[in-house]
Protein backbone atom coordinates (compact mmCIF):
# COMPACT_ATOMS: atom_id res chain seq x y z
CA MET A 1 2.04 1.79 25.44
CA MET A 2 2.11 5.30 26.50
CA LYS A 3 -1.36 6.67 26.78
CA PHE A 4 -1.86 10.42 25.20
CA GLU A 5 -2.31 13.02 27.62
CA LEU A 6 -2.05 16.62 27.63
CA ILE A 7 0.03 18.95 29.95
CA GLU A 8 -1.90 20.47 32.95
CA ASP A 9 -1.70 24.27 31.13
CA TRP A 10 -1.80 23.46 27.42
CA ARG A 11 -3.35 26.49 26.74
CA SER A 12 -0.74 28.70 27.59
CA SER A 13 1.75 26.49 25.42
CA LEU A 14 2.20 29.66 23.01
CA LYS A 15 4.32 31.25 25.70
CA LEU A 16 6.70 28.09 25.71
CA LEU A 17 10.20 28.33 23.93
CA SER A 18 9.67 24.69 21.95
CA VAL A 19 6.66 25.98 20.53
CA LYS A 20 7.81 29.04 19.41
CA MET A 21 10.80 27.28 17.65
CA GLY A 22 8.32 25.04 16.01
CA ALA A 23 6.65 28.16 14.95
CA LEU A 24 10.01 29.29 13.23
CA TRP A 25 10.53 26.02 11.81
CA ALA A 26 6.66 26.14 10.21
CA ALA A 27 7.66 29.75 8.94
CA VAL A 28 11.02 28.40 7.62
CA ILE A 29 8.88 25.46 5.58
CA ALA A 30 6.53 27.87 4.34
CA TYR A 31 8.88 30.49 3.01
CA LEU A 32 10.41 27.52 0.97
CA VAL A 33 7.14 25.97 -0.65
CA ALA A 34 5.80 29.70 -1.37
CA ASP A 35 9.57 30.46 -2.90
CA PRO A 36 11.37 26.89 -3.54
CA THR A 37 14.36 28.12 -5.56
CA PRO A 38 16.98 27.48 -2.62
CA LEU A 39 15.21 23.94 -2.02
CA PHE A 40 15.61 23.13 -5.41
CA THR A 41 19.41 24.52 -5.84
CA ALA A 42 20.01 22.33 -2.76
CA TRP A 43 18.33 19.28 -4.21
CA ALA A 44 19.77 19.30 -7.21
CA ALA A 45 23.76 19.92 -5.62
CA LEU A 46 22.95 16.44 -3.71
CA PRO A 47 24.28 13.50 -5.49
CA PRO A 48 21.37 11.32 -7.70
CA GLU A 49 22.28 8.28 -4.39
CA ILE A 50 21.07 10.55 -1.57
CA GLN A 51 18.14 11.71 -3.51
CA ALA A 52 17.30 8.05 -4.28
CA LEU A 53 16.96 7.94 -0.36
CA PHE A 54 14.03 10.21 -0.09
CA PRO A 55 10.57 9.13 -1.89
CA TRP A 56 8.27 11.70 -2.91
CA TRP A 57 6.13 11.41 0.51
CA VAL A 58 8.80 11.94 2.96
CA ARG A 59 9.53 15.43 0.85
CA ALA A 60 5.52 16.10 0.71
CA ILE A 61 5.26 15.95 4.44
CA ALA A 62 8.49 17.69 5.16
CA ALA A 63 7.21 20.37 3.06
CA PHE A 64 4.00 20.75 4.87
CA GLY A 65 5.17 21.00 8.09
CA GLY A 66 5.28 17.89 9.54
CA VAL A 67 8.28 18.58 11.56
CA ALA A 68 6.92 21.47 13.33
CA GLY A 69 3.86 19.38 14.47
CA THR A 70 5.87 16.99 15.73
CA ILE A 71 7.41 19.90 17.92
CA TRP A 72 4.46 20.84 19.23
CA LEU A 73 2.98 17.63 20.10
CA ALA A 74 6.06 16.55 21.65
CA ARG A 75 6.23 19.60 24.21
CA VAL A 76 2.28 19.43 24.92
CA THR A 77 2.16 15.57 25.60
CA LYS A 78 2.61 14.36 29.09
CA GLN A 79 6.06 12.58 29.17
CA PRO A 80 7.68 10.33 32.26
CA VAL A 81 9.90 12.17 34.11
CA VAL A 82 13.32 11.23 34.36
CA ASP A 83 15.43 11.71 37.53
CA ALA A 84 18.43 12.87 35.94
CA PRO A 85 21.84 13.61 38.12
CA LYS A 86 22.18 17.00 39.40
CA VAL A 87 25.00 19.10 38.40
CA GLY A 88 27.86 19.08 40.85
CA GLU A 89 26.79 15.80 42.58
């Protein structure tokens, strides 16, 4: 199991694009929580079989920014280096 460890320069993480994208996603979710009409309209358009696949707690986690938190956590956590072949080799 991988040990949880922050990246060296985690305090400057607000400058990282992935963190900005996470913040943008959190803003979208905050808007949908403040004015859920578009969300309810899209939800009502789904067939009942699809709606049944998502229990209430999954919708609650998504509404409160679980995705944005995951993006941030994935970005500031050390990850193993993967050697990828360079383009043109």
